[in-house]
């Protein structure tokens, strides 16, 4: 079981010195991945329900610093040499896919092939409105954008015709390091999100799940969906973040086929304390419980 850390880009995790300390220490101690999420805008009173809490309210204050994940992960990659970096998640339908393809390939190249692109369809109508992007049909837009980006990464001279994006005979360089591919992992815990994972994703990032039982239910659905599509579920990378994780959960998650447990934590605000904070997490989670 790999161990990931979702700690960068927000609040105290948006400080340059904290990013350096967390990334370098997590790299040295054997963490698998550093995750960073995204919201381009926040509002004080949202008209949309946050899907990952019981009360429908996101825990991050609207006034908190929230870095662009590509930029935050670029700094994390520069402060490390081995650990993977992942957006968790980038709200793909809010962006121009040609630009995202360029940004992702650039970050993948500069990090030596360490990027996983976690994407989501988004939940905040306010955010889509601020960006002048239609909220409706955002799932279809996301799927098409992902297909277009894969085309741009794969082909030297790329063409694509779709409902939401089209281009003809263009070159977008550099190309990703690993066989001109960047894994696209899909966020979301709903049945619709799991259908997207089975249909066209390279993996799943289940976020803020309420214990191992919720993971088991989601993976059971995912197994059925993959069977219906004649897809080998073992090809998918499964990463999950639990609301109240315990080291005792690791064996059960491993048995379910989870590849990575992601700890969602806030680092200390003082950079001098960040390395010890990461070491404390490693001591708790990387020592087999008796």
C-alpha atoms as a PDB file:
ATOM      1  CA  UNK A   1       0.000   0.000   0.000  1.00  0.00           C
ATOM      2  CA  UNK A   2       1.423   3.329  -1.065  1.00  0.00           C
ATOM      3  CA  UNK A   3       0.903   6.394   1.098  1.00  0.00           C
ATOM      4  CA  UNK A   4       0.025   9.764  -0.397  1.00  0.00           C
ATOM      5  CA  UNK A   5      -0.204  13.191   1.181  1.00  0.00           C
ATOM      6  CA  UNK A   6      -2.818  15.782   0.237  1.00  0.00           C
ATOM      7  CA  UNK A   7      -1.380  18.793   2.051  1.00  0.00           C
ATOM      8  CA  UNK A   8      -0.187  21.409  -0.421  1.00  0.00           C
ATOM      9  CA  UNK A   9      -1.683  24.505  -1.977  1.00  0.00           C
ATOM     10  CA  UNK A  10      -4.231  25.625   0.622  1.00  0.00           C
ATOM     11  CA  UNK A  11      -3.791  27.803   3.706  1.00  0.00           C
ATOM     12  CA  UNK A  12      -0.532  26.968   5.447  1.00  0.00           C
ATOM     13  CA  UNK A  13       0.272  24.623   2.553  1.00  0.00           C
ATOM     14  CA  UNK A  14       0.377  27.617   0.216  1.00  0.00           C
ATOM     15  CA  UNK A  15       3.606  28.968   1.709  1.00  0.00           C
ATOM     16  CA  UNK A  16       6.714  28.473  -0.445  1.00  0.00           C
ATOM     17  CA  UNK A  17       8.964  27.422   2.441  1.00  0.00           C
ATOM     18  CA  UNK A  18       6.346  24.969   3.741  1.00  0.00           C
ATOM     19  CA  UNK A  19       5.977  23.454   0.259  1.00  0.00           C
ATOM     20  CA  UNK A  20       9.754  22.993   0.032  1.00  0.00           C
ATOM     21  CA  UNK A  21       9.984  21.366   3.461  1.00  0.00           C
ATOM     22  CA  UNK A  22       6.962  19.069   3.002  1.00  0.00           C
ATOM     23  CA  UNK A  23       7.988  17.983  -0.491  1.00  0.00           C
ATOM     24  CA  UNK A  24      11.622  17.276   0.305  1.00  0.00           C
ATOM     25  CA  UNK A  25      10.838  15.441   3.544  1.00  0.00           C
ATOM     26  CA  UNK A  26       7.992  13.373   2.088  1.00  0.00           C
ATOM     27  CA  UNK A  27      10.286  12.488  -0.815  1.00  0.00           C
ATOM     28  CA  UNK A  28      13.047  11.320   1.514  1.00  0.00           C
ATOM     29  CA  UNK A  29      10.716   9.314   3.764  1.00  0.00           C
ATOM     30  CA  UNK A  30       9.068   7.285   1.010  1.00  0.00           C
ATOM     31  CA  UNK A  31       5.662   8.858   0.513  1.00  0.00           C
ATOM     32  CA  UNK A  32       4.305   7.944  -2.911  1.00  0.00           C
ATOM     33  CA  UNK A  33       2.495  11.074  -4.055  1.00  0.00           C
ATOM     34  CA  UNK A  34       1.915  14.717  -3.206  1.00  0.00           C
ATOM     35  CA  UNK A  35      -1.622  15.822  -4.106  1.00  0.00           C
ATOM     36  CA  UNK A  36      -2.949  19.362  -4.619  1.00  0.00           C
ATOM     37  CA  UNK A  37      -6.545  20.325  -5.395  1.00  0.00           C
ATOM     38  CA  UNK A  38      -8.139  23.278  -7.133  1.00  0.00           C
ATOM     39  CA  UNK A  39     -10.746  25.961  -6.946  1.00  0.00           C
ATOM     40  CA  UNK A  40     -10.209  28.964  -9.173  1.00  0.00           C
ATOM     41  CA  UNK A  41     -12.710  31.018  -7.180  1.00  0.00           C
ATOM     42  CA  UNK A  42     -14.523  30.628  -3.865  1.00  0.00           C
ATOM     43  CA  UNK A  43     -17.645  32.419  -2.667  1.00  0.00           C
ATOM     44  CA  UNK A  44     -18.817  33.301   0.831  1.00  0.00           C
ATOM     45  CA  UNK A  45     -22.282  31.817   0.316  1.00  0.00           C
ATOM     46  CA  UNK A  46     -22.378  29.081  -2.305  1.00  0.00           C
ATOM     47  CA  UNK A  47     -25.530  28.254  -4.213  1.00  0.00           C
ATOM     48  CA  UNK A  48     -24.225  24.697  -4.694  1.00  0.00           C
ATOM     49  CA  UNK A  49     -23.965  21.832  -2.250  1.00  0.00           C
ATOM     50  CA  UNK A  50     -20.441  20.526  -1.576  1.00  0.00           C
ATOM     51  CA  UNK A  51     -20.652  16.775  -2.275  1.00  0.00           C
ATOM     52  CA  UNK A  52     -17.939  15.600   0.140  1.00  0.00           C
ATOM     53  CA  UNK A  53     -19.410  16.600   3.513  1.00  0.00           C
ATOM     54  CA  UNK A  54     -22.613  15.724   5.352  1.00  0.00           C
ATOM     55  CA  UNK A  55     -23.679  19.350   5.702  1.00  0.00           C
ATOM     56  CA  UNK A  56     -22.903  20.271   2.104  1.00  0.00           C
ATOM     57  CA  UNK A  57     -20.386  22.966   3.079  1.00  0.00           C
ATOM     58  CA  UNK A  58     -16.712  22.896   2.123  1.00  0.00           C
ATOM     59  CA  UNK A  59     -14.385  23.086   5.120  1.00  0.00           C
ATOM     60  CA  UNK A  60     -11.925  25.466   3.462  1.00  0.00           C
ATOM     61  CA  UNK A  61     -12.743  29.118   4.309  1.00  0.00           C
ATOM     62  CA  UNK A  62     -13.596  31.226   1.291  1.00  0.00           C
ATOM     63  CA  UNK A  63     -10.853  33.704   2.178  1.00  0.00           C
ATOM     64  CA  UNK A  64      -8.079  31.079   2.424  1.00  0.00           C
ATOM     65  CA  UNK A  65      -5.119  31.134   0.045  1.00  0.00           C
ATOM     66  CA  UNK A  66      -5.570  28.468  -2.637  1.00  0.00           C
ATOM     67  CA  UNK A  67      -2.729  28.105  -5.121  1.00  0.00           C
ATOM     68  CA  UNK A  68      -3.094  26.968  -8.689  1.00  0.00           C
ATOM     69  CA  UNK A  69      -2.244  23.242  -8.375  1.00  0.00           C
ATOM     70  CA  UNK A  70       0.003  23.117 -11.436  1.00  0.00           C
ATOM     71  CA  UNK A  71       2.150  25.918 -10.063  1.00  0.00           C
ATOM     72  CA  UNK A  72       2.160  24.516  -6.522  1.00  0.00           C
ATOM     73  CA  UNK A  73       3.162  21.075  -7.789  1.00  0.00           C
ATOM     74  CA  UNK A  74       5.871  22.618  -9.945  1.00  0.00           C
ATOM     75  CA  UNK A  75       7.495  23.990  -6.802  1.00  0.00           C
ATOM     76  CA  UNK A  76       6.986  20.649  -5.029  1.00  0.00           C
ATOM     77  CA  UNK A  77       8.642  18.821  -7.920  1.00  0.00           C
ATOM     78  CA  UNK A  78      11.590  21.204  -7.827  1.00  0.00           C
ATOM     79  CA  UNK A  79      12.082  20.491  -4.103  1.00  0.00           C
ATOM     80  CA  UNK A  80      12.056  16.699  -4.604  1.00  0.00           C
ATOM     81  CA  UNK A  81      13.436  14.073  -6.945  1.00  0.00           C
ATOM     82  CA  UNK A  82      11.382  10.862  -6.657  1.00  0.00           C
ATOM     83  CA  UNK A  83       7.899  11.412  -5.249  1.00  0.00           C
ATOM     84  CA  UNK A  84       4.922  11.541  -7.588  1.00  0.00           C
ATOM     85  CA  UNK A  85       2.860  14.707  -7.973  1.00  0.00           C
ATOM     86  CA  UNK A  86      -0.873  14.722  -8.672  1.00  0.00           C
ATOM     87  CA  UNK A  87      -3.696  17.186  -9.069  1.00  0.00           C
ATOM     88  CA  UNK A  88      -6.474  16.122  -6.748  1.00  0.00           C
ATOM     89  CA  UNK A  89      -8.415  17.366  -8.542  1.00  0.00           C
ATOM     90  CA  UNK A  90      -8.117  19.832 -11.412  1.00  0.00           C
ATOM     91  CA  UNK A  91     -11.558  21.018 -12.540  1.00  0.00           C
ATOM     92  CA  UNK A  92     -10.975  20.237 -16.184  1.00  0.00           C
ATOM     93  CA  UNK A  93     -14.166  21.632 -17.793  1.00  0.00           C
ATOM     94  CA  UNK A  94     -13.289  25.083 -16.430  1.00  0.00           C
ATOM     95  CA  UNK A  95     -10.112  25.229 -18.540  1.00  0.00           C
ATOM     96  CA  UNK A  96      -9.013  25.328 -22.153  1.00  0.00           C
ATOM     97  CA  UNK A  97      -7.897  21.729 -22.815  1.00  0.00           C
ATOM     98  CA  UNK A  98      -5.149  22.715 -25.260  1.00  0.00           C
ATOM     99  CA  UNK A  99      -3.597  24.940 -22.597  1.00  0.00           C
ATOM    100  CA  UNK A 100      -3.978  22.246 -19.903  1.00  0.00           C
ATOM    101  CA  UNK A 101      -2.364  19.675 -22.193  1.00  0.00           C
ATOM    102  CA  UNK A 102       0.603  22.014 -22.659  1.00  0.00           C
ATOM    103  CA  UNK A 103       0.876  22.799 -18.938  1.00  0.00           C
ATOM    104  CA  UNK A 104       0.598  19.163 -17.883  1.00  0.00           C
ATOM    105  CA  UNK A 105       3.164  17.935 -20.404  1.00  0.00           C
ATOM    106  CA  UNK A 106       5.545  20.726 -19.367  1.00  0.00           C
ATOM    107  CA  UNK A 107       5.211  19.807 -15.684  1.00  0.00           C
ATOM    108  CA  UNK A 108       5.574  16.105 -16.492  1.00  0.00           C
ATOM    109  CA  UNK A 109       8.741  16.797 -18.486  1.00  0.00           C
ATOM    110  CA  UNK A 110      10.300  19.032 -15.830  1.00  0.00           C
ATOM    111  CA  UNK A 111       9.469  16.559 -13.050  1.00  0.00           C
ATOM    112  CA  UNK A 112      10.899  13.599 -14.943  1.00  0.00           C
ATOM    113  CA  UNK A 113       7.567  11.911 -15.641  1.00  0.00           C
ATOM    114  CA  UNK A 114       6.117  12.161 -12.153  1.00  0.00           C
ATOM    115  CA  UNK A 115       2.736  13.776 -12.899  1.00  0.00           C
ATOM    116  CA  UNK A 116      -0.686  12.212 -12.518  1.00  0.00           C
ATOM    117  CA  UNK A 117      -3.516  14.425 -13.705  1.00  0.00           C
ATOM    118  CA  UNK A 118      -6.453  14.028 -11.363  1.00  0.00           C
ATOM    119  CA  UNK A 119      -9.541  15.692 -12.829  1.00  0.00           C
ATOM    120  CA  UNK A 120     -13.107  16.348 -11.770  1.00  0.00           C
ATOM    121  CA  UNK A 121     -16.244  17.743 -13.386  1.00  0.00           C
ATOM    122  CA  UNK A 122     -16.810  20.383 -10.687  1.00  0.00           C
ATOM    123  CA  UNK A 123     -19.734  21.075  -8.363  1.00  0.00           C
ATOM    124  CA  UNK A 124     -19.910  24.852  -7.863  1.00  0.00           C
ATOM    125  CA  UNK A 125     -22.288  26.749 -10.156  1.00  0.00           C
ATOM    126  CA  UNK A 126     -20.825  29.989  -8.809  1.00  0.00           C
ATOM    127  CA  UNK A 127     -17.360  29.040 -10.029  1.00  0.00           C
ATOM    128  CA  UNK A 128     -18.520  28.077 -13.509  1.00  0.00           C
ATOM    129  CA  UNK A 129     -20.502  31.313 -13.756  1.00  0.00           C
ATOM    130  CA  UNK A 130     -17.467  33.395 -12.780  1.00  0.00           C
ATOM    131  CA  UNK A 131     -15.453  31.681 -15.516  1.00  0.00           C
ATOM    132  CA  UNK A 132     -18.237  32.010 -18.114  1.00  0.00           C
ATOM    133  CA  UNK A 133     -18.332  28.227 -18.608  1.00  0.00           C
ATOM    134  CA  UNK A 134     -21.709  26.435 -18.848  1.00  0.00           C
ATOM    135  CA  UNK A 135     -22.427  24.297 -15.777  1.00  0.00           C
ATOM    136  CA  UNK A 136     -24.705  22.018 -17.762  1.00  0.00           C
ATOM    137  CA  UNK A 137     -23.126  19.082 -19.630  1.00  0.00           C
ATOM    138  CA  UNK A 138     -19.856  19.552 -17.804  1.00  0.00           C
ATOM    139  CA  UNK A 139     -19.339  15.775 -17.602  1.00  0.00           C
ATOM    140  CA  UNK A 140     -19.537  15.438 -21.391  1.00  0.00           C
ATOM    141  CA  UNK A 141     -17.202  18.417 -21.738  1.00  0.00           C
ATOM    142  CA  UNK A 142     -14.720  16.783 -19.353  1.00  0.00           C
ATOM    143  CA  UNK A 143     -14.683  13.503 -21.290  1.00  0.00           C
ATOM    144  CA  UNK A 144     -14.154  15.295 -24.584  1.00  0.00           C
ATOM    145  CA  UNK A 145     -11.405  17.504 -23.171  1.00  0.00           C
ATOM    146  CA  UNK A 146      -9.577  14.438 -21.856  1.00  0.00           C
ATOM    147  CA  UNK A 147      -9.785  12.755 -25.268  1.00  0.00           C
ATOM    148  CA  UNK A 148      -8.478  15.905 -26.934  1.00  0.00           C
ATOM    149  CA  UNK A 149      -5.547  16.166 -24.513  1.00  0.00           C
ATOM    150  CA  UNK A 150      -4.597  12.543 -25.043  1.00  0.00           C
ATOM    151  CA  UNK A 151      -4.571  13.239 -28.784  1.00  0.00           C
ATOM    152  CA  UNK A 152      -2.301  16.255 -28.284  1.00  0.00           C
ATOM    153  CA  UNK A 153       0.094  14.256 -26.108  1.00  0.00           C
ATOM    154  CA  UNK A 154       0.217  11.312 -28.511  1.00  0.00           C
ATOM    155  CA  UNK A 155       0.392  12.853 -31.982  1.00  0.00           C
ATOM    156  CA  UNK A 156       3.163  14.990 -33.425  1.00  0.00           C
ATOM    157  CA  UNK A 157       0.622  16.755 -35.617  1.00  0.00           C
ATOM    158  CA  UNK A 158      -2.742  16.597 -33.879  1.00  0.00           C
ATOM    159  CA  UNK A 159      -6.304  17.068 -35.100  1.00  0.00           C
ATOM    160  CA  UNK A 160      -9.539  16.690 -33.148  1.00  0.00           C
ATOM    161  CA  UNK A 161     -13.171  17.473 -33.880  1.00  0.00           C
ATOM    162  CA  UNK A 162     -15.718  17.547 -31.094  1.00  0.00           C
ATOM    163  CA  UNK A 163     -18.686  19.407 -29.705  1.00  0.00           C
ATOM    164  CA  UNK A 164     -16.667  21.492 -27.242  1.00  0.00           C
ATOM    165  CA  UNK A 165     -13.165  21.610 -28.736  1.00  0.00           C
ATOM    166  CA  UNK A 166     -11.742  21.287 -32.226  1.00  0.00           C
ATOM    167  CA  UNK A 167      -8.311  21.832 -33.741  1.00  0.00           C
ATOM    168  CA  UNK A 168      -6.609  20.860 -36.965  1.00  0.00           C
ATOM    169  CA  UNK A 169      -2.994  19.925 -37.693  1.00  0.00           C
ATOM    170  CA  UNK A 170      -1.381  21.584 -34.688  1.00  0.00           C
ATOM    171  CA  UNK A 171       1.801  20.828 -32.788  1.00  0.00           C
ATOM    172  CA  UNK A 172       1.846  21.011 -28.990  1.00  0.00           C
ATOM    173  CA  UNK A 173       5.178  20.228 -27.389  1.00  0.00           C
ATOM    174  CA  UNK A 174       6.763  18.945 -25.203  1.00  0.00           C
ATOM    175  CA  UNK A 175       5.332  15.459 -25.058  1.00  0.00           C
ATOM    176  CA  UNK A 176       4.868  13.587 -21.759  1.00  0.00           C
ATOM    177  CA  UNK A 177       7.771  11.437 -20.603  1.00  0.00           C
ATOM    178  CA  UNK A 178       6.073   8.022 -20.270  1.00  0.00           C
ATOM    179  CA  UNK A 179       5.139   6.856 -23.785  1.00  0.00           C
ATOM    180  CA  UNK A 180       3.475  10.189 -24.502  1.00  0.00           C
ATOM    181  CA  UNK A 181       0.833   9.607 -21.825  1.00  0.00           C
ATOM    182  CA  UNK A 182      -0.068  11.183 -18.514  1.00  0.00           C
ATOM    183  CA  UNK A 183      -2.381   9.083 -16.327  1.00  0.00           C
ATOM    184  CA  UNK A 184      -5.784  10.746 -15.943  1.00  0.00           C
ATOM    185  CA  UNK A 185      -7.377   9.813 -12.622  1.00  0.00           C
ATOM    186  CA  UNK A 186     -10.988  10.815 -12.022  1.00  0.00           C
ATOM    187  CA  UNK A 187     -12.324  12.196  -8.769  1.00  0.00           C
ATOM    188  CA  UNK A 188     -15.830  11.763  -7.388  1.00  0.00           C
ATOM    189  CA  UNK A 189     -17.698   9.182  -5.323  1.00  0.00           C
ATOM    190  CA  UNK A 190     -21.062   9.153  -7.090  1.00  0.00           C
ATOM    191  CA  UNK A 191     -22.324   6.436  -9.408  1.00  0.00           C
ATOM    192  CA  UNK A 192     -21.896   8.844 -12.329  1.00  0.00           C
ATOM    193  CA  UNK A 193     -18.269   9.489 -11.362  1.00  0.00           C
ATOM    194  CA  UNK A 194     -17.560   5.768 -11.149  1.00  0.00           C
ATOM    195  CA  UNK A 195     -19.106   5.264 -14.579  1.00  0.00           C
ATOM    196  CA  UNK A 196     -16.668   7.830 -15.948  1.00  0.00           C
ATOM    197  CA  UNK A 197     -13.755   6.009 -14.305  1.00  0.00           C
ATOM    198  CA  UNK A 198     -14.772   2.704 -15.870  1.00  0.00           C
ATOM    199  CA  UNK A 199     -15.474   4.240 -19.275  1.00  0.00           C
ATOM    200  CA  UNK A 200     -12.345   6.306 -19.896  1.00  0.00           C
ATOM    201  CA  UNK A 201     -10.256   6.926 -16.786  1.00  0.00           C
ATOM    202  CA  UNK A 202      -6.836   5.599 -15.854  1.00  0.00           C
ATOM    203  CA  UNK A 203      -7.837   5.508 -12.198  1.00  0.00           C
ATOM    204  CA  UNK A 204     -10.055   6.778  -9.385  1.00  0.00           C
ATOM    205  CA  UNK A 205      -9.445   9.208  -6.540  1.00  0.00           C
ATOM    206  CA  UNK A 206     -12.157   8.640  -3.940  1.00  0.00           C
ATOM    207  CA  UNK A 207     -12.229  11.643  -1.633  1.00  0.00           C
ATOM    208  CA  UNK A 208     -13.368  12.029   1.986  1.00  0.00           C
ATOM    209  CA  UNK A 209     -15.010   8.626   2.074  1.00  0.00           C
ATOM    210  CA  UNK A 210     -16.688   7.575   5.303  1.00  0.00           C
ATOM    211  CA  UNK A 211     -14.553   4.576   6.183  1.00  0.00           C
ATOM    212  CA  UNK A 212     -13.578   1.291   4.596  1.00  0.00           C
ATOM    213  CA  UNK A 213     -17.211   0.272   4.120  1.00  0.00           C
ATOM    214  CA  UNK A 214     -17.774   3.209   1.760  1.00  0.00           C
ATOM    215  CA  UNK A 215     -14.631   2.274  -0.178  1.00  0.00           C
ATOM    216  CA  UNK A 216     -15.851  -1.318  -0.447  1.00  0.00           C
ATOM    217  CA  UNK A 217     -19.205  -0.160  -1.826  1.00  0.00           C
ATOM    218  CA  UNK A 218     -17.603   2.100  -4.434  1.00  0.00           C
ATOM    219  CA  UNK A 219     -15.113  -0.524  -5.572  1.00  0.00           C
ATOM    220  CA  UNK A 220     -17.899  -3.093  -5.821  1.00  0.00           C
ATOM    221  CA  UNK A 221     -19.773  -0.762  -8.175  1.00  0.00           C
ATOM    222  CA  UNK A 222     -16.598  -0.055 -10.105  1.00  0.00           C
ATOM    223  CA  UNK A 223     -15.944  -3.775 -10.524  1.00  0.00           C
ATOM    224  CA  UNK A 224     -19.456  -4.263 -11.941  1.00  0.00           C
ATOM    225  CA  UNK A 225     -19.069  -1.319 -14.305  1.00  0.00           C
ATOM    226  CA  UNK A 226     -15.729  -2.582 -15.591  1.00  0.00           C
ATOM    227  CA  UNK A 227     -17.170  -6.058 -16.094  1.00  0.00           C
ATOM    228  CA  UNK A 228     -20.000  -4.552 -18.141  1.00  0.00           C
ATOM    229  CA  UNK A 229     -17.480  -2.794 -20.357  1.00  0.00           C
ATOM    230  CA  UNK A 230     -15.149  -5.825 -20.585  1.00  0.00           C
ATOM    231  CA  UNK A 231     -12.470  -3.758 -18.929  1.00  0.00           C
ATOM    232  CA  UNK A 232      -9.857  -5.169 -16.558  1.00  0.00           C
ATOM    233  CA  UNK A 233     -10.388  -3.259 -13.310  1.00  0.00           C
ATOM    234  CA  UNK A 234      -6.861  -4.114 -12.165  1.00  0.00           C
ATOM    235  CA  UNK A 235      -5.577  -1.726 -14.835  1.00  0.00           C
ATOM    236  CA  UNK A 236      -7.021   1.211 -12.868  1.00  0.00           C
ATOM    237  CA  UNK A 237      -5.030   3.043 -10.186  1.00  0.00           C
ATOM    238  CA  UNK A 238      -7.174   3.366  -7.067  1.00  0.00           C
ATOM    239  CA  UNK A 239      -6.382   6.091  -4.522  1.00  0.00           C
ATOM    240  CA  UNK A 240      -8.679   6.940  -1.617  1.00  0.00           C
ATOM    241  CA  UNK A 241      -8.829   9.498   1.165  1.00  0.00           C
ATOM    242  CA  UNK A 242     -10.881   8.658   4.266  1.00  0.00           C
ATOM    243  CA  UNK A 243     -12.556  11.068   6.680  1.00  0.00           C
ATOM    244  CA  UNK A 244     -11.040   9.494   9.786  1.00  0.00           C
ATOM    245  CA  UNK A 245      -8.357   7.053   8.646  1.00  0.00           C
ATOM    246  CA  UNK A 246      -6.543   4.659  10.935  1.00  0.00           C
ATOM    247  CA  UNK A 247      -3.435   2.544  10.286  1.00  0.00           C
ATOM    248  CA  UNK A 248      -5.622  -0.465  11.028  1.00  0.00           C
ATOM    249  CA  UNK A 249      -7.544   0.303   7.804  1.00  0.00           C
ATOM    250  CA  UNK A 250      -4.545  -0.425   5.599  1.00  0.00           C
ATOM    251  CA  UNK A 251      -4.888  -4.207   5.438  1.00  0.00           C
ATOM    252  CA  UNK A 252      -8.576  -4.017   4.509  1.00  0.00           C
ATOM    253  CA  UNK A 253      -7.932  -1.378   1.870  1.00  0.00           C
ATOM    254  CA  UNK A 254      -5.138  -3.479   0.409  1.00  0.00           C
ATOM    255  CA  UNK A 255      -7.452  -6.487   0.211  1.00  0.00           C
ATOM    256  CA  UNK A 256      -9.982  -4.364  -1.681  1.00  0.00           C
ATOM    257  CA  UNK A 257      -7.354  -3.499  -4.292  1.00  0.00           C
ATOM    258  CA  UNK A 258      -6.637   0.073  -3.212  1.00  0.00           C
ATOM    259  CA  UNK A 259      -3.214   1.157  -4.429  1.00  0.00           C
ATOM    260  CA  UNK A 260      -2.772   4.324  -2.377  1.00  0.00           C
ATOM    261  CA  UNK A 261      -4.173   5.746   0.838  1.00  0.00           C
ATOM    262  CA  UNK A 262      -4.060   9.546   0.716  1.00  0.00           C
ATOM    263  CA  UNK A 263      -3.782  11.433   3.992  1.00  0.00           C
ATOM    264  CA  UNK A 264      -5.579  14.795   3.865  1.00  0.00           C
ATOM    265  CA  UNK A 265      -3.781  16.948   6.391  1.00  0.00           C
ATOM    266  CA  UNK A 266      -2.855  20.606   6.938  1.00  0.00           C
ATOM    267  CA  UNK A 267       0.847  21.282   7.552  1.00  0.00           C
ATOM    268  CA  UNK A 268       2.000  23.637  10.294  1.00  0.00           C
ATOM    269  CA  UNK A 269       2.198  27.284   9.347  1.00  0.00           C
ATOM    270  CA  UNK A 270       5.822  27.582  10.475  1.00  0.00           C
ATOM    271  CA  UNK A 271       8.197  26.142   7.850  1.00  0.00           C
ATOM    272  CA  UNK A 272      10.640  25.056  10.543  1.00  0.00           C
ATOM    273  CA  UNK A 273       8.041  22.635  11.908  1.00  0.00           C
ATOM    274  CA  UNK A 274       7.013  21.123   8.572  1.00  0.00           C
ATOM    275  CA  UNK A 275       9.736  18.471   8.310  1.00  0.00           C
ATOM    276  CA  UNK A 276       9.008  17.137  11.795  1.00  0.00           C
ATOM    277  CA  UNK A 277       5.298  17.120  10.986  1.00  0.00           C
ATOM    278  CA  UNK A 278       5.866  14.938   7.902  1.00  0.00           C
ATOM    279  CA  UNK A 279       8.191  12.690   9.932  1.00  0.00           C
ATOM    280  CA  UNK A 280       5.456  12.258  12.531  1.00  0.00           C
ATOM    281  CA  UNK A 281       3.020  11.129   9.849  1.00  0.00           C
ATOM    282  CA  UNK A 282       5.585   8.673   8.525  1.00  0.00           C
ATOM    283  CA  UNK A 283       6.195   7.278  12.015  1.00  0.00           C
ATOM    284  CA  UNK A 284       2.482   6.671  12.490  1.00  0.00           C
ATOM    285  CA  UNK A 285       1.584   5.333   9.060  1.00  0.00           C
ATOM    286  CA  UNK A 286       4.675   3.572   7.829  1.00  0.00           C
ATOM    287  CA  UNK A 287       5.108   1.389  10.913  1.00  0.00           C
ATOM    288  CA  UNK A 288       3.043  -1.777  10.817  1.00  0.00           C
ATOM    289  CA  UNK A 289       0.558  -1.735  13.750  1.00  0.00           C
ATOM    290  CA  UNK A 290       0.824  -4.615  16.212  1.00  0.00           C
END
